[in-house]
Protein backbone atom coordinates (compact mmCIF):
# COMPACT_ATOMS: atom_id res chain seq x y z
CA UNK A 1 130.93 98.38 106.54
CA UNK A 2 127.45 99.24 105.32
CA UNK A 3 126.93 95.75 103.91
CA UNK A 4 128.18 94.29 107.19
CA UNK A 5 125.58 96.27 109.15
CA UNK A 6 122.83 95.08 106.83
CA UNK A 7 123.96 91.47 107.09
CA UNK A 8 124.23 91.67 110.89
CA UNK A 9 120.71 93.13 111.10
CA UNK A 10 119.28 90.39 108.87
CA UNK A 11 120.98 87.61 110.84
CA UNK A 12 119.87 89.01 114.18
CA UNK A 13 116.26 89.52 113.05
CA UNK A 14 115.94 86.08 111.44
CA UNK A 15 117.90 83.94 113.90
CA UNK A 16 117.14 85.73 117.18
CA UNK A 17 114.05 87.94 117.03
CA UNK A 18 111.94 85.77 114.71
CA UNK A 19 112.05 82.56 116.83
CA UNK A 20 111.27 84.56 119.98
CA UNK A 21 108.39 86.48 118.37
CA UNK A 22 106.90 83.31 116.88
CA UNK A 23 106.10 82.18 120.44
CA UNK A 24 104.32 85.42 121.31
CA UNK A 25 100.58 86.07 120.90
CA UNK A 26 99.17 87.86 117.87
CA UNK A 27 99.55 91.63 118.32
CA UNK A 28 98.89 92.84 114.77
CA UNK A 29 96.52 91.99 111.92
CA UNK A 30 97.22 92.65 108.24
CA UNK A 31 94.41 92.30 105.72
CA UNK A 32 95.40 92.09 102.05
CA UNK A 33 92.92 93.79 99.73
CA UNK A 34 91.26 91.81 96.97
CA UNK A 35 87.94 90.68 98.44
CA UNK A 36 85.48 92.26 100.85
CA UNK A 37 85.17 88.82 102.46
CA UNK A 38 88.57 89.39 104.07
CA UNK A 39 87.43 92.65 105.64
CA UNK A 40 84.24 91.00 106.91
CA UNK A 41 86.33 88.28 108.54
CA UNK A 42 88.63 90.87 110.12
CA UNK A 43 85.62 92.68 111.58
CA UNK A 44 84.21 89.40 112.91
CA UNK A 45 87.38 88.49 114.80
CA UNK A 46 88.29 92.02 115.91
CA UNK A 47 86.61 91.46 119.27
CA UNK A 48 89.04 88.61 120.01
CA UNK A 49 91.93 91.07 119.71
CA UNK A 50 90.66 94.16 121.57
CA UNK A 51 93.97 96.02 121.65
CA UNK A 52 95.44 94.78 118.39
CA UNK A 53 95.99 97.21 115.48
CA UNK A 54 94.43 96.15 112.18
CA UNK A 55 95.87 97.33 108.87
CA UNK A 56 93.76 96.92 105.74
CA UNK A 57 96.05 97.32 102.74
CA UNK A 58 94.27 98.74 99.69
CA UNK A 59 90.96 97.07 100.47
CA UNK A 60 87.39 98.02 99.57
CA UNK A 61 86.18 101.60 99.51
CA UNK A 62 86.46 103.33 102.90
CA UNK A 63 82.70 103.62 103.59
CA UNK A 64 82.16 99.93 102.82
CA UNK A 65 84.80 98.93 105.37
CA UNK A 66 83.33 101.35 107.91
CA UNK A 67 79.82 99.94 107.48
CA UNK A 68 81.13 96.39 107.88
CA UNK A 69 82.97 97.17 111.11
CA UNK A 70 79.96 99.09 112.43
CA UNK A 71 77.73 96.11 111.61
CA UNK A 72 79.89 93.80 113.72
CA UNK A 73 80.32 96.47 116.42
CA UNK A 74 84.10 96.25 116.02
CA UNK A 75 86.35 99.04 117.36
CA UNK A 76 87.29 101.62 114.72
CA UNK A 77 90.11 103.66 116.23
CA UNK A 78 92.71 100.89 115.90
CA UNK A 79 91.89 100.09 112.27
CA UNK A 80 94.15 101.68 109.67
CA UNK A 81 93.41 101.91 105.95
CA UNK A 82 96.55 101.91 103.82
CA UNK A 83 95.73 103.30 100.37
CA UNK A 84 99.12 103.38 98.60
CA UNK A 85 99.55 99.75 97.53
CA UNK A 86 98.66 98.68 93.99
CA UNK A 87 100.01 95.13 94.12
CA UNK A 88 100.69 92.35 96.60
CA UNK A 89 104.35 93.37 96.74
CA UNK A 90 103.31 96.92 97.65
CA UNK A 91 100.86 95.58 100.26
CA UNK A 92 103.91 94.43 102.20
CA UNK A 93 106.20 97.25 101.03
CA UNK A 94 103.98 99.90 102.66
CA UNK A 95 102.34 97.94 105.49
CA UNK A 96 105.35 96.19 107.06
CA UNK A 97 107.07 99.47 108.06
CA UNK A 98 103.77 100.58 109.61
CA UNK A 99 103.54 97.34 111.59
CA UNK A 100 107.15 97.81 112.70
CA UNK A 101 106.37 101.38 113.78
CA UNK A 102 103.40 100.12 115.80
CA UNK A 103 105.70 97.72 117.64
CA UNK A 104 104.06 94.55 116.29
CA UNK A 105 105.87 91.25 117.00
CA UNK A 106 103.51 88.68 115.47
CA UNK A 107 101.03 89.25 112.65
CA UNK A 108 97.87 87.46 111.63
CA UNK A 109 97.80 87.76 107.83
CA UNK A 110 94.30 87.60 106.35
CA UNK A 111 94.02 86.64 102.69
CA UNK A 112 92.31 83.86 100.72
CA UNK A 113 93.18 80.43 99.41
CA UNK A 114 93.32 81.81 95.86
CA UNK A 115 96.15 84.09 96.96
CA UNK A 116 98.40 81.30 98.22
CA UNK A 117 101.20 80.29 98.31
CA UNK A 118 102.50 83.61 96.93
CA UNK A 119 101.13 85.79 99.74
CA UNK A 120 102.44 83.43 102.42
CA UNK A 121 105.96 83.31 100.98
CA UNK A 122 106.08 87.08 100.53
CA UNK A 123 104.83 87.63 104.07
CA UNK A 124 107.48 85.35 105.49
CA UNK A 125 110.16 87.27 103.58
CA UNK A 126 109.00 90.86 104.21
CA UNK A 127 108.05 90.29 107.83
CA UNK A 128 110.78 87.78 108.64
CA UNK A 129 113.66 90.11 107.77
CA UNK A 130 112.31 92.50 110.40
CA UNK A 131 111.97 89.71 112.93
CA UNK A 132 108.16 89.78 112.80
CA UNK A 133 106.47 86.38 112.93
CA UNK A 134 103.46 85.65 110.73
CA UNK A 135 100.43 83.39 110.98
CA UNK A 136 98.33 83.07 107.80
CA UNK A 137 94.55 82.92 107.98
CA UNK A 138 92.60 82.23 104.77
CA UNK A 139 89.04 83.24 103.99
CA UNK A 140 86.79 81.39 101.56
CA UNK A 141 85.51 83.38 98.60
CA UNK A 142 82.83 83.05 95.97
CA UNK A 143 82.92 84.35 92.43
CA UNK A 144 86.18 85.64 90.95
CA UNK A 145 88.58 86.97 93.62
CA UNK A 146 90.75 90.02 93.01
CA UNK A 147 93.97 87.98 93.04
CA UNK A 148 94.62 85.34 90.40
CA UNK A 149 97.76 83.26 90.77
CA UNK A 150 100.22 82.03 88.20
CA UNK A 151 103.61 80.38 88.56
CA UNK A 152 105.30 83.29 86.78
CA UNK A 153 103.66 85.90 89.02
CA UNK A 154 104.68 83.93 92.11
CA UNK A 155 108.29 83.59 90.94
CA UNK A 156 108.60 87.28 90.05
CA UNK A 157 107.07 88.54 93.31
CA UNK A 158 109.09 86.19 95.51
CA UNK A 159 112.31 87.13 93.67
CA UNK A 160 111.54 90.85 94.00
CA UNK A 161 110.79 90.36 97.70
CA UNK A 162 114.09 88.56 98.28
CA UNK A 163 116.00 91.38 96.60
CA UNK A 164 114.13 94.02 98.60
CA UNK A 165 114.72 92.12 101.85
CA UNK A 166 118.44 92.88 101.63
CA UNK A 167 117.77 96.61 101.96
CA UNK A 168 114.51 96.75 103.90
CA UNK A 169 115.98 96.59 107.45
CA UNK A 170 117.63 99.98 106.86
CA UNK A 171 114.81 101.60 104.88
CA UNK A 172 111.32 102.56 106.07
CA UNK A 173 109.11 103.45 103.09
CA UNK A 174 106.03 105.30 104.22
CA UNK A 175 102.57 105.69 102.73
CA UNK A 176 101.14 109.20 102.66
CA UNK A 177 97.61 107.83 102.40
CA UNK A 178 96.95 106.10 105.71
CA UNK A 179 93.69 106.92 107.49
CA UNK A 180 92.15 105.70 110.72
CA UNK A 181 88.77 104.05 110.10
CA UNK A 182 87.07 106.28 112.67
CA UNK A 183 88.04 109.32 110.56
CA UNK A 184 86.06 108.18 107.51
CA UNK A 185 83.23 110.66 106.86
CA UNK A 186 80.16 108.75 105.71
CA UNK A 187 78.21 111.94 104.93
CA UNK A 188 80.80 113.01 102.38
CA UNK A 189 80.86 109.56 100.83
CA UNK A 190 77.07 109.42 100.55
CA UNK A 191 77.15 112.73 98.67
CA UNK A 192 79.88 111.48 96.33
CA UNK A 193 78.29 108.05 95.94
CA UNK A 194 79.92 104.65 96.40
CA UNK A 195 79.24 101.00 95.64
CA UNK A 196 80.27 98.03 97.76
CA UNK A 197 80.89 94.47 96.60
CA UNK A 198 77.73 92.33 96.58
CA UNK A 199 79.41 89.79 98.87
CA UNK A 200 79.51 92.46 101.58
CA UNK A 201 75.68 92.52 101.63
CA UNK A 202 75.72 96.27 102.31
CA UNK A 203 72.73 97.97 100.70
C-alpha cells in the first residue's frame, strides 16, 4: 500500500501538476552556489519578480550577498540563504522542500553554463517529482567556476537523484541553517572579517 501511495503521488505530480505549472509564471527563484556572478544576476533581476521568494543555496558569504543586493536595491526580506548544502545534490535536497513549503509552482533556476547539463537534469528530477516546473537561466563566468563537470559526476548525481525521487514526495528534509537576508548583521561580520570573490567587485 505504501508503494502504491508513492507511485500515485509521482504519477499525479508528473502527469497532472507539472504540465499545469509549466504554463504558470515564475513564482520562485533558486540560485545554486558556486559563483558570485549568479548572486549578482539574481539581485539584478529581483525587481522583475517583486513578490517572488529567492533561495540562494550555499552561495557566497552572507555579507557579500547582502552587499550585492543592497547595491542593486533589491528587496531583502524575501531572500533566503540555505547553508546546509555541500554539493549540487544537496542544493536540491534541502532547497526543493523549502520551495514546496513556500507554495512555489514554477522555478527559475540560476546556474552557469559550466554546470550544465547536470544541474538541469537534476532540477527536472527533484522539482518534477513534486510537480514544480523549472526554467533554467545560465550566467556567464570568468576564471575557474566552483563547479567542474565530468561524465562520471553527471551520471552519479543523476542516478542518485532518480533513486531519491522515489521517496521524496513523502519526505521533507529540512535545513536548520536557513536565514533571511535581512537578518544578516553586517556589524558582526565586519568585526569577524570576511572576503568576497573578486568578480563581485565588493571592496
